[in-house]
Amino acid sequence: MNTYLLFFIALIPIVWLMVSLGVLKMPGHKTCSITLVITIILAVLVWKMPIDQALTATLEGATMAIWPIIAVIIAAVFTYNLSIYTKSMDVIKDMMTGITTDRRILVLIVAWGFGGFLEAIAGFGTAVAIPASILAALGFDPIFAAIICLIANTTPTAFGAIGLPVTTLAKVAGINPVTLSYAVGLQLFVLIVILPLILVMLTGKSLKAIKGVVLICLASGLSFAIPELLVAKTMGAELPALIGSIICIIVTVTIAKVFYKKTAATDKVKISLHKAFIAWVPFILILTLILITSSLVPAINKPLSTLKSSFMIYNGPHAALSTFAWIVNPGTLIFIATFIGGLVQGAKAKDIMKVFLDTCKQMSKTAITIVAIVSLAKVMSHSGMITSIAVVLVAVTGSFYPLFAPIIGALGTFVTGSDTSANVLFGPLQVEVARNLHMSPYWLAAANTGGATAGKMISPQSIAVATAATGLVGAEGKILKATLKFCLAYVVILGLITYFGASFFTM
């Protein structure tokens, strides 16, 4: 069949997703289920994928969706729900308004700084679910809270989950992870600096909203971007977002307390250090458990990493074992940390479990959405549909390909919901194209990672997480329409950076 015809047919599931969510305003769990069926039919009829392979690819996607993705999301929302039950969220809310009541600065602290921190240590939706629910608790419109956290959770995902997207890409593409980290840090630098300004403009609904907060916005961006770039260049992919986000939070909160102290609540509640610690204890435990069980602490990570199961699920060409880590997994660790945190806060074990079971029921439609979207991503990948799209994009763009390289990364995340998966899908392709164009393979591989961060804000999987966290299941289309234009602008800026920076990055 003609290559270009295959290209347009392969786009059908993606176009249907955009139209059904954005125009027809169908709920995510319905439209993603329909899209999965469409994808399987196209894979079997057009790409001649045997039915048993299509079904096992679907099963592989479903198991991956359940563990770890849905497990992580349920655990993150469980943390929030339990903090409501124990009333610790009221303390956190008082602490935040004690720093400032200025909604623009609250967005910088919660969605940008704290969200970036959660992405750095855990990933898998936590950086959208937890900050969005906190903003909603602080009185923000739930839809706005979901949108602002999706937009904020873009650049941090490149080095999210202790650098997993970059280290995975380096592995599958056979390139040096430290050099790749530096290229990613360079490409994202400008976007990291300007994103806080954009978040503030969105919060104030106008360009004038930045008046009076330009200093703190620039400081918030630069204090994230500079440490991230330096750490990426010298140490690799594991720590850039973690160190950048921590320094960003410290700098932003300090400036808010020193230069914007008049914006603090006039009826500020005095909170003792002990009470503040108890309120934050689940989050402190989450950070502690994830860090000490990560690859940064091999003595703990290695024995716990052996507690896993591997199965061959997909039975087609290039099949690989599906591995499920039972302990060294953000979902497990967040659940354990939250359960212990709830006990420390005075909740009874049976009440904590009731909150957890209620959370599972609350997330049922979100679970259907994510199972469907990850399953269709696997079918598109194994059948060759993704390759059919990428090959035509490369052929049509020629020497201007670097302008469009981030689009391929964004497409990968839109379909899979994961920066890591987008890198696995398209990273080797980007490296091969770079060699054909006599460019640095690191530069185009980095563009794939950067583009993948853009796709996070429009991915149905990410939107499903945001709607679940803010109680907006069914509003996916409205959120997609709001984030799509920012995604397009983001990809254009990144494309220009990739195109004009290619001749300077020759490593």
Protein backbone atom coordinates (compact mmCIF):
# COMPACT_ATOMS: atom_id res chain seq x y z
CA MET A 1 0.00 0.00 0.00
CA ASN A 2 1.17 3.56 -0.75
CA THR A 3 3.31 5.01 2.07
CA TYR A 4 1.36 8.28 2.14
CA LEU A 5 -1.98 6.47 2.25
CA LEU A 6 -0.72 4.45 5.23
CA PHE A 7 0.31 7.73 6.86
CA PHE A 8 -3.21 9.17 6.64
CA ILE A 9 -4.86 5.93 7.76
CA ALA A 10 -2.50 5.74 10.76
CA LEU A 11 -3.60 9.24 11.76
CA ILE A 12 -7.27 8.17 12.03
CA PRO A 13 -7.13 7.09 15.73
CA ILE A 14 -5.26 10.29 16.69
CA VAL A 15 -7.64 12.56 14.76
CA TRP A 16 -10.65 10.74 16.23
CA LEU A 17 -9.26 11.25 19.74
CA MET A 18 -8.83 14.99 19.13
CA VAL A 19 -12.27 15.43 17.55
CA SER A 20 -14.22 13.25 19.99
CA LEU A 21 -12.65 14.89 23.05
CA GLY A 22 -12.32 18.46 21.80
CA VAL A 23 -15.34 18.88 19.49
CA LEU A 24 -17.88 16.18 20.40
CA LYS A 25 -16.96 16.53 24.11
CA MET A 26 -17.25 12.80 24.74
CA PRO A 27 -16.04 11.52 28.13
CA GLY A 28 -12.50 10.12 28.06
CA HIS A 29 -13.40 6.59 29.10
CA LYS A 30 -15.89 6.26 26.22
CA THR A 31 -13.87 7.86 23.43
CA CYS A 32 -10.62 6.07 24.35
CA SER A 33 -12.41 2.71 24.41
CA ILE A 34 -13.89 3.39 20.95
CA THR A 35 -10.46 4.51 19.69
CA LEU A 36 -8.91 1.27 20.92
CA VAL A 37 -11.42 -0.76 18.90
CA ILE A 38 -10.78 1.41 15.79
CA THR A 39 -7.01 0.97 16.21
CA ILE A 40 -7.25 -2.83 16.51
CA ILE A 41 -9.47 -3.02 13.38
CA LEU A 42 -7.04 -0.84 11.36
CA ALA A 43 -4.01 -2.79 12.59
CA VAL A 44 -5.58 -6.11 11.55
CA LEU A 45 -7.11 -5.00 8.22
CA VAL A 46 -4.54 -2.51 6.91
CA TRP A 47 -1.23 -3.44 8.57
CA LYS A 48 -2.10 -7.17 8.40
CA MET A 49 -1.42 -7.70 12.09
CA PRO A 50 -2.58 -11.20 13.13
CA ILE A 51 -5.58 -11.03 15.47
CA ASP A 52 -3.77 -12.92 18.26
CA GLN A 53 -0.91 -10.39 18.11
CA ALA A 54 -3.36 -7.47 18.21
CA LEU A 55 -5.06 -8.96 21.26
CA THR A 56 -1.81 -9.75 23.10
CA ALA A 57 -0.52 -6.23 22.31
CA THR A 58 -3.75 -4.90 23.85
CA LEU A 59 -3.26 -7.10 26.90
CA GLU A 60 0.35 -5.94 27.23
CA GLY A 61 -0.86 -2.32 27.20
CA ALA A 62 -3.61 -3.04 29.73
CA THR A 63 -1.23 -4.67 32.20
CA MET A 64 1.24 -1.79 31.84
CA ALA A 65 -1.60 0.67 32.39
CA ILE A 66 -2.69 -1.04 35.59
CA TRP A 67 0.85 -1.45 36.90
CA PRO A 68 2.47 0.99 37.40
CA ILE A 69 0.45 3.88 35.88
CA ILE A 70 -3.00 3.45 37.44
CA ALA A 71 -1.40 2.24 40.69
CA VAL A 72 0.59 5.49 40.90
CA ILE A 73 -2.40 7.70 40.11
CA ILE A 74 -4.66 5.95 42.66
CA ALA A 75 -1.88 6.24 45.26
CA ALA A 76 -1.42 9.97 44.55
CA VAL A 77 -5.15 10.73 44.80
CA PHE A 78 -5.30 8.52 47.92
CA THR A 79 -2.64 10.79 49.49
CA TYR A 80 -4.81 13.83 48.78
CA ASN A 81 -8.06 12.19 49.93
CA LEU A 82 -6.47 11.03 53.19
CA SER A 83 -5.07 14.52 53.80
CA ILE A 84 -8.65 15.82 53.49
CA TYR A 85 -9.88 13.13 55.91
CA THR A 86 -7.19 13.88 58.52
CA LYS A 87 -7.67 17.64 57.96
CA SER A 88 -3.93 18.03 57.28
CA MET A 89 -4.88 19.68 53.98
CA ASP A 90 -6.43 22.51 56.01
CA VAL A 91 -3.05 23.05 57.69
CA ILE A 92 -1.24 22.98 54.33
CA LYS A 93 -3.78 25.45 52.98
CA ASP A 94 -3.19 27.78 55.96
CA MET A 95 0.57 27.47 55.47
CA MET A 96 0.29 28.36 51.77
CA THR A 97 -1.95 31.39 52.38
CA GLY A 98 0.41 32.31 55.24
CA ILE A 99 3.11 32.73 52.60
CA THR A 100 0.81 34.56 50.19
CA THR A 101 -2.81 34.88 49.10
CA ASP A 102 -1.70 36.09 45.66
CA ARG A 103 -3.02 33.40 43.35
CA ARG A 104 -0.21 34.04 40.86
CA ILE A 105 2.48 33.27 43.44
CA LEU A 106 0.53 30.26 44.77
CA VAL A 107 0.57 28.83 41.23
CA LEU A 108 4.35 29.28 41.08
CA ILE A 109 4.83 27.51 44.42
CA VAL A 110 2.30 24.68 44.03
CA ALA A 111 1.94 23.92 40.30
CA TRP A 112 5.44 24.92 39.16
CA GLY A 113 7.84 24.30 42.08
CA PHE A 114 6.06 21.53 44.03
CA GLY A 115 4.73 19.96 40.80
CA GLY A 116 8.25 19.90 39.34
CA PHE A 117 9.53 18.30 42.53
CA LEU A 118 6.87 15.54 42.42
CA GLU A 119 7.63 14.90 38.74
CA ALA A 120 11.34 14.65 39.54
CA ILE A 121 10.94 12.05 42.28
CA ALA A 122 7.92 10.04 41.13
CA GLY A 123 6.47 10.97 37.73
CA PHE A 124 3.57 8.86 36.42
CA GLY A 125 0.89 11.51 37.00
CA THR A 126 1.70 12.49 40.59
CA ALA A 127 2.85 15.97 39.49
CA VAL A 128 -0.60 16.68 38.04
CA ALA A 129 -2.83 14.84 40.50
CA ILE A 130 -1.46 16.19 43.79
CA PRO A 131 -0.83 19.89 42.89
CA ALA A 132 -4.15 20.15 41.02
CA SER A 133 -6.05 18.81 44.02
CA ILE A 134 -4.17 21.19 46.39
CA LEU A 135 -4.98 24.19 44.15
CA ALA A 136 -8.64 23.14 44.09
CA ALA A 137 -8.56 22.95 47.91
CA LEU A 138 -7.06 26.46 47.98
CA GLY A 139 -10.17 27.75 46.16
CA PHE A 140 -9.04 27.67 42.52
CA ASP A 141 -11.60 26.70 39.89
CA PRO A 142 -11.09 22.91 39.43
CA ILE A 143 -10.90 23.14 35.62
CA PHE A 144 -8.31 25.91 35.86
CA ALA A 145 -6.36 23.90 38.46
CA ALA A 146 -6.25 20.94 36.06
CA ILE A 147 -5.17 23.08 33.08
CA ILE A 148 -2.46 25.04 34.92
CA CYS A 149 -0.92 21.85 36.36
CA LEU A 150 -0.89 20.16 32.94
CA ILE A 151 0.94 23.16 31.45
CA ALA A 152 3.36 23.38 34.39
CA ASN A 153 4.07 19.65 34.17
CA THR A 154 5.88 19.89 30.82
CA THR A 155 9.58 20.75 31.07
CA PRO A 156 10.08 18.82 34.37
CA THR A 157 9.03 15.55 32.71
CA ALA A 158 12.23 15.37 30.63
CA PHE A 159 14.17 14.45 33.77
CA GLY A 160 11.15 13.06 35.65
CA ALA A 161 11.09 9.89 37.76
CA ILE A 162 14.82 10.26 38.58
CA GLY A 163 15.77 10.83 34.92
CA LEU A 164 14.02 7.76 33.50
CA PRO A 165 13.05 9.24 30.07
CA VAL A 166 16.62 10.37 29.28
CA THR A 167 18.43 7.30 30.64
CA THR A 168 16.01 5.04 28.74
CA LEU A 169 16.52 6.99 25.49
CA ALA A 170 20.31 6.84 25.86
CA LYS A 171 20.05 3.08 26.34
CA VAL A 172 17.76 2.30 23.38
CA ALA A 173 19.64 4.67 21.05
CA GLY A 174 23.11 3.63 22.17
CA ILE A 175 24.33 7.13 23.07
CA ASN A 176 26.02 8.71 26.10
CA PRO A 177 23.46 9.68 28.79
CA VAL A 178 25.47 12.63 30.19
CA THR A 179 25.92 14.29 26.77
CA LEU A 180 22.25 13.67 26.00
CA SER A 181 21.26 15.20 29.36
CA TYR A 182 23.26 18.33 28.54
CA ALA A 183 21.55 18.65 25.13
CA VAL A 184 18.11 18.27 26.74
CA GLY A 185 18.98 20.88 29.39
CA LEU A 186 20.14 23.35 26.73
CA GLN A 187 17.01 22.96 24.58
CA LEU A 188 14.61 23.36 27.49
CA PHE A 189 16.45 26.24 29.19
CA VAL A 190 14.50 29.09 27.56
CA LEU A 191 11.15 27.34 28.04
CA ILE A 192 11.88 26.73 31.75
CA VAL A 193 12.65 30.44 32.21
CA ILE A 194 9.50 31.70 30.44
CA LEU A 195 7.00 29.12 31.71
CA PRO A 196 6.48 30.81 35.12
CA LEU A 197 5.57 34.05 33.28
CA ILE A 198 3.07 32.16 31.13
CA LEU A 199 1.54 30.44 34.18
CA VAL A 200 1.09 33.83 35.85
CA MET A 201 -0.52 35.33 32.72
CA LEU A 202 -2.95 32.41 32.59
CA THR A 203 -3.75 32.82 36.29
CA GLY A 204 -4.49 36.53 35.83
CA LYS A 205 -6.13 35.95 32.43
CA SER A 206 -4.08 38.73 30.75
CA LEU A 207 -0.59 39.96 29.89
CA LYS A 208 -1.02 42.63 32.58
CA ALA A 209 -1.09 39.87 35.21
CA ILE A 210 2.71 39.80 35.28
CA LYS A 211 2.78 43.36 36.63
CA GLY A 212 4.35 43.34 40.06
CA VAL A 213 5.52 39.71 39.90
CA VAL A 214 8.11 39.77 37.07
CA LEU A 215 10.95 39.48 39.60
CA ILE A 216 9.60 36.37 41.31
CA CYS A 217 8.63 34.78 37.95
CA LEU A 218 12.13 35.22 36.49
CA ALA A 219 13.72 34.03 39.73
CA SER A 220 11.42 30.99 39.80
CA GLY A 221 12.36 30.10 36.21
CA LEU A 222 16.09 30.79 36.45
CA SER A 223 16.46 29.02 39.82
CA PHE A 224 15.02 25.90 38.14
CA ALA A 225 16.79 26.22 34.76
CA ILE A 226 20.36 27.05 35.82
CA PRO A 227 20.82 24.23 38.40
CA GLU A 228 19.10 21.78 36.03
CA LEU A 229 21.49 22.63 33.17
CA LEU A 230 24.61 22.51 35.37
CA VAL A 231 23.65 19.18 36.95
CA ALA A 232 22.66 17.72 33.55
CA LYS A 233 26.04 18.68 32.07
CA THR A 234 28.14 17.38 34.95
CA MET A 235 26.17 14.50 36.50
CA GLY A 236 23.72 13.13 33.94
CA ALA A 237 19.97 12.57 33.99
CA GLU A 238 19.06 11.40 37.50
CA LEU A 239 19.20 14.66 39.48
CA PRO A 240 18.65 17.75 37.24
CA ALA A 241 14.89 18.14 37.83
CA LEU A 242 15.13 17.15 41.50
CA ILE A 243 17.83 19.69 42.38
CA GLY A 244 16.30 22.33 40.09
CA SER A 245 12.83 22.00 41.64
CA ILE A 246 14.10 22.07 45.25
CA ILE A 247 16.17 25.22 44.61
CA CYS A 248 13.19 26.73 42.74
CA ILE A 249 10.84 26.14 45.72
CA ILE A 250 13.36 27.59 48.20
CA VAL A 251 14.00 30.69 46.04
CA THR A 252 10.30 31.29 45.22
CA VAL A 253 9.09 30.92 48.82
CA THR A 254 11.96 33.08 50.14
CA ILE A 255 11.26 35.89 47.67
CA ALA A 256 7.52 35.67 48.43
CA LYS A 257 8.20 35.98 52.17
CA VAL A 258 10.71 38.85 51.80
CA PHE A 259 9.39 40.96 48.91
CA TYR A 260 5.69 40.01 48.82
CA LYS A 261 4.98 39.65 52.54
CA LYS A 262 2.08 42.11 52.26
CA THR A 263 0.23 39.47 50.20
CA ALA A 264 0.18 37.02 53.13
CA ALA A 265 -3.23 36.42 54.71
CA THR A 266 -4.15 39.17 57.19
CA ASP A 267 -5.77 36.61 59.46
CA LYS A 268 -2.74 34.34 59.16
CA VAL A 269 -3.05 31.21 61.29
CA LYS A 270 0.00 30.57 63.47
CA ILE A 271 1.12 27.01 62.88
CA SER A 272 3.68 25.33 65.13
CA LEU A 273 6.62 23.45 63.61
CA HIS A 274 5.25 20.18 65.01
CA LYS A 275 1.80 20.73 63.49
CA ALA A 276 3.34 21.67 60.13
CA PHE A 277 5.54 18.56 60.17
CA ILE A 278 2.57 16.30 60.95
CA ALA A 279 0.57 17.85 58.08
CA TRP A 280 3.39 17.30 55.59
CA VAL A 281 4.53 13.91 56.93
CA PRO A 282 2.98 11.81 54.08
CA PHE A 283 4.79 13.95 51.48
CA ILE A 284 8.04 13.83 53.48
CA LEU A 285 7.74 10.04 53.66
CA ILE A 286 6.97 9.83 49.92
CA LEU A 287 10.16 11.78 49.14
CA THR A 288 12.22 9.73 51.59
CA LEU A 289 11.02 6.31 50.40
CA ILE A 290 11.37 7.14 46.70
CA LEU A 291 14.87 8.56 47.13
CA ILE A 292 16.29 5.79 49.35
CA THR A 293 14.88 3.03 47.12
CA SER A 294 16.02 4.71 43.87
CA SER A 295 19.16 3.96 41.87
CA LEU A 296 20.83 6.76 43.87
CA VAL A 297 21.11 4.30 46.80
CA PRO A 298 22.24 1.02 45.18
CA ALA A 299 22.54 -0.85 48.51
CA ILE A 300 18.76 -0.61 48.98
CA ASN A 301 17.69 -0.39 45.35
CA LYS A 302 19.40 -3.58 44.13
CA PRO A 303 17.85 -6.10 46.57
CA LEU A 304 14.39 -4.50 46.34
CA SER A 305 14.61 -4.41 42.53
CA THR A 306 14.79 -8.22 42.52
CA LEU A 307 11.21 -8.33 43.85
CA LYS A 308 9.62 -8.33 40.41
CA SER A 309 7.80 -10.58 37.97
CA SER A 310 8.40 -10.87 34.24
CA PHE A 311 5.97 -12.25 31.67
CA MET A 312 5.94 -12.58 27.90
CA ILE A 313 2.56 -11.11 27.02
CA TYR A 314 2.82 -9.86 23.42
CA ASN A 315 3.55 -12.79 21.08
CA GLY A 316 4.55 -10.97 17.89
CA PRO A 317 7.88 -9.87 16.34
CA HIS A 318 10.36 -8.03 18.61
CA ALA A 319 8.38 -9.12 21.67
CA ALA A 320 10.00 -8.30 24.99
CA LEU A 321 9.34 -9.38 28.54
CA SER A 322 6.91 -7.21 30.50
CA THR A 323 8.43 -6.65 33.94
CA PHE A 324 6.48 -5.55 37.01
CA ALA A 325 8.44 -4.16 39.98
CA TRP A 326 6.39 -4.72 43.12
CA ILE A 327 8.26 -2.57 45.66
CA VAL A 328 10.54 -0.20 43.72
CA ASN A 329 7.52 1.42 42.12
CA PRO A 330 6.13 4.89 42.87
CA GLY A 331 2.61 3.51 43.40
CA THR A 332 3.67 1.04 46.10
CA LEU A 333 5.97 3.56 47.79
CA ILE A 334 3.36 6.36 47.78
CA PHE A 335 0.75 3.98 49.24
CA ILE A 336 3.10 2.83 52.03
CA ALA A 337 4.19 6.41 52.81
CA THR A 338 0.58 7.63 52.88
CA PHE A 339 -0.62 4.74 55.05
CA ILE A 340 2.16 5.34 57.61
CA GLY A 341 1.59 9.11 57.35
CA GLY A 342 -2.12 8.61 58.09
CA LEU A 343 -1.30 6.59 61.21
CA VAL A 344 1.13 9.31 62.36
CA GLN A 345 -1.65 11.88 61.82
CA GLY A 346 -3.94 9.88 64.12
CA ALA A 347 -6.18 8.02 61.65
CA LYS A 348 -7.14 4.40 62.37
CA ALA A 349 -5.96 1.67 59.98
CA LYS A 350 -9.55 0.66 59.06
CA ASP A 351 -10.46 4.30 58.28
CA ILE A 352 -7.34 4.69 56.12
CA MET A 353 -8.30 1.57 54.15
CA LYS A 354 -11.84 2.90 53.71
CA VAL A 355 -10.42 6.11 52.21
CA PHE A 356 -8.25 3.98 49.91
CA LEU A 357 -11.18 1.82 48.73
CA ASP A 358 -13.31 4.93 48.15
CA THR A 359 -10.44 6.34 46.07
CA CYS A 360 -10.35 3.17 43.95
CA LYS A 361 -14.09 3.53 43.24
CA GLN A 362 -13.63 7.24 42.45
CA MET A 363 -10.95 6.36 39.86
CA SER A 364 -12.86 3.67 37.95
CA LYS A 365 -13.60 5.75 34.82
CA THR A 366 -10.07 7.13 34.81
CA ALA A 367 -8.75 3.55 34.94
CA ILE A 368 -10.81 2.61 31.85
CA THR A 369 -9.44 5.66 29.99
CA ILE A 370 -5.83 4.84 30.80
CA VAL A 371 -6.13 1.11 30.04
CA ALA A 372 -7.60 1.97 26.63
CA ILE A 373 -5.02 4.64 25.75
CA VAL A 374 -1.96 2.58 26.74
CA SER A 375 -3.38 -0.48 24.96
CA LEU A 376 -3.96 1.40 21.71
CA ALA A 377 -0.41 2.83 21.97
CA LYS A 378 0.95 -0.71 22.12
CA VAL A 379 -1.16 -1.81 19.14
CA MET A 380 -0.06 1.23 17.10
CA SER A 381 3.57 0.57 17.98
CA HIS A 382 3.67 -3.19 17.37
CA SER A 383 1.60 -3.04 14.16
CA GLY A 384 3.83 -0.41 12.51
CA MET A 385 1.26 2.40 12.52
CA ILE A 386 3.57 4.72 14.49
CA THR A 387 6.44 4.01 12.08
CA SER A 388 4.18 4.81 9.10
CA ILE A 389 3.56 8.28 10.56
CA ALA A 390 7.20 8.98 11.42
CA VAL A 391 8.66 7.84 8.08
CA VAL A 392 6.47 10.23 6.08
CA LEU A 393 7.24 13.16 8.38
CA VAL A 394 10.96 12.54 7.86
CA ALA A 395 10.63 12.15 4.08
CA VAL A 396 8.52 15.29 3.57
CA THR A 397 10.57 17.69 5.73
CA GLY A 398 14.09 16.90 4.44
CA SER A 399 16.80 19.33 5.66
CA PHE A 400 14.13 21.26 7.59
CA TYR A 401 13.48 18.15 9.66
CA PRO A 402 14.93 19.63 12.92
CA LEU A 403 12.06 22.15 12.90
CA PHE A 404 9.62 19.25 13.07
CA ALA A 405 11.63 16.81 15.23
CA PRO A 406 9.83 17.87 18.45
CA ILE A 407 6.46 17.14 16.80
CA ILE A 408 7.39 13.46 16.59
CA GLY A 409 8.22 13.42 20.31
CA ALA A 410 4.95 15.21 21.11
CA LEU A 411 3.04 12.70 18.98
CA GLY A 412 4.66 9.86 20.93
CA THR A 413 3.54 11.28 24.27
CA PHE A 414 0.09 12.18 22.99
CA VAL A 415 -0.47 8.54 22.09
CA THR A 416 1.34 6.83 24.99
CA GLY A 417 1.02 9.43 27.78
CA SER A 418 4.67 8.88 28.68
CA ASP A 419 7.86 10.78 27.83
CA THR A 420 9.77 7.54 28.37
CA SER A 421 7.54 5.59 25.98
CA ALA A 422 7.78 8.37 23.37
CA ASN A 423 11.57 8.11 23.60
CA VAL A 424 11.48 4.34 23.21
CA LEU A 425 9.20 4.69 20.17
CA PHE A 426 10.99 7.47 18.32
CA GLY A 427 14.42 7.99 19.93
CA PRO A 428 16.28 5.55 17.66
CA LEU A 429 14.53 7.06 14.61
CA GLN A 430 15.69 10.58 15.59
CA VAL A 431 19.27 9.36 16.02
CA GLU A 432 19.21 7.65 12.61
CA VAL A 433 17.83 10.77 10.89
CA ALA A 434 20.51 12.92 12.57
CA ARG A 435 23.25 10.70 11.15
CA ASN A 436 21.71 10.88 7.67
CA LEU A 437 21.59 14.69 7.95
CA HIS A 438 25.18 14.79 9.35
CA MET A 439 23.94 16.35 12.59
CA SER A 440 24.64 15.54 16.23
CA PRO A 441 22.47 12.52 17.18
CA TYR A 442 22.33 13.95 20.71
CA TRP A 443 20.65 17.13 19.49
CA LEU A 444 17.76 15.39 17.69
CA ALA A 445 17.38 12.80 20.44
CA ALA A 446 17.07 15.72 22.87
CA ALA A 447 14.45 17.30 20.57
CA ASN A 448 12.42 14.10 20.85
CA THR A 449 12.55 14.35 24.65
CA GLY A 450 11.66 18.05 24.57
CA GLY A 451 8.77 17.46 22.16
CA ALA A 452 7.57 14.64 24.37
CA THR A 453 7.30 17.10 27.29
CA ALA A 454 4.95 19.20 25.13
CA GLY A 455 2.74 16.21 24.38
CA LYS A 456 2.19 15.64 28.11
CA MET A 457 -0.25 18.55 28.36
CA ILE A 458 -2.58 17.17 25.67
CA SER A 459 -2.20 13.45 26.28
CA PRO A 460 -5.59 11.86 27.10
CA GLN A 461 -3.82 9.89 29.83
CA SER A 462 -2.51 13.07 31.51
CA ILE A 463 -5.88 14.79 31.12
CA ALA A 464 -7.58 11.76 32.69
CA VAL A 465 -5.28 12.10 35.71
CA ALA A 466 -6.08 15.81 36.03
CA THR A 467 -9.85 15.31 35.79
CA ALA A 468 -9.77 12.48 38.32
CA ALA A 469 -7.76 14.54 40.82
CA THR A 470 -10.13 17.51 40.59
CA GLY A 471 -13.41 15.60 40.35
CA LEU A 472 -14.01 16.61 36.73
CA VAL A 473 -14.38 13.25 34.98
CA GLY A 474 -16.27 14.03 31.75
CA ALA A 475 -14.64 17.44 31.22
CA GLU A 476 -11.67 16.07 29.24
CA GLY A 477 -12.67 17.83 26.01
CA LYS A 478 -12.80 21.26 27.62
CA ILE A 479 -9.33 20.76 29.09
CA LEU A 480 -7.89 19.47 25.81
CA LYS A 481 -9.14 22.55 23.93
CA ALA A 482 -7.54 24.81 26.54
CA THR A 483 -4.14 23.08 26.51
CA LEU A 484 -3.87 22.39 22.76
CA LYS A 485 -2.94 25.96 21.75
CA PHE A 486 -0.21 26.08 24.41
CA CYS A 487 1.12 22.74 23.20
CA LEU A 488 1.34 24.06 19.62
CA ALA A 489 3.17 27.24 20.72
CA TYR A 490 5.53 25.15 22.88
CA VAL A 491 6.39 22.81 19.98
CA VAL A 492 6.98 25.77 17.61
CA ILE A 493 9.42 27.42 20.05
CA LEU A 494 11.21 24.12 20.62
CA GLY A 495 11.35 23.48 16.85
CA LEU A 496 13.04 26.86 16.28
CA ILE A 497 15.52 26.16 19.10
CA THR A 498 16.29 22.74 17.58
CA TYR A 499 16.69 24.08 14.03
CA PHE A 500 18.86 27.10 14.78
CA GLY A 501 20.83 25.44 17.58
CA ALA A 502 21.74 22.34 15.56
CA SER A 503 24.85 23.91 13.95
CA PHE A 504 26.21 24.98 17.36
CA PHE A 505 25.80 21.61 19.11
CA THR A 506 28.41 19.40 17.47
CA MET A 507 29.27 16.99 20.31
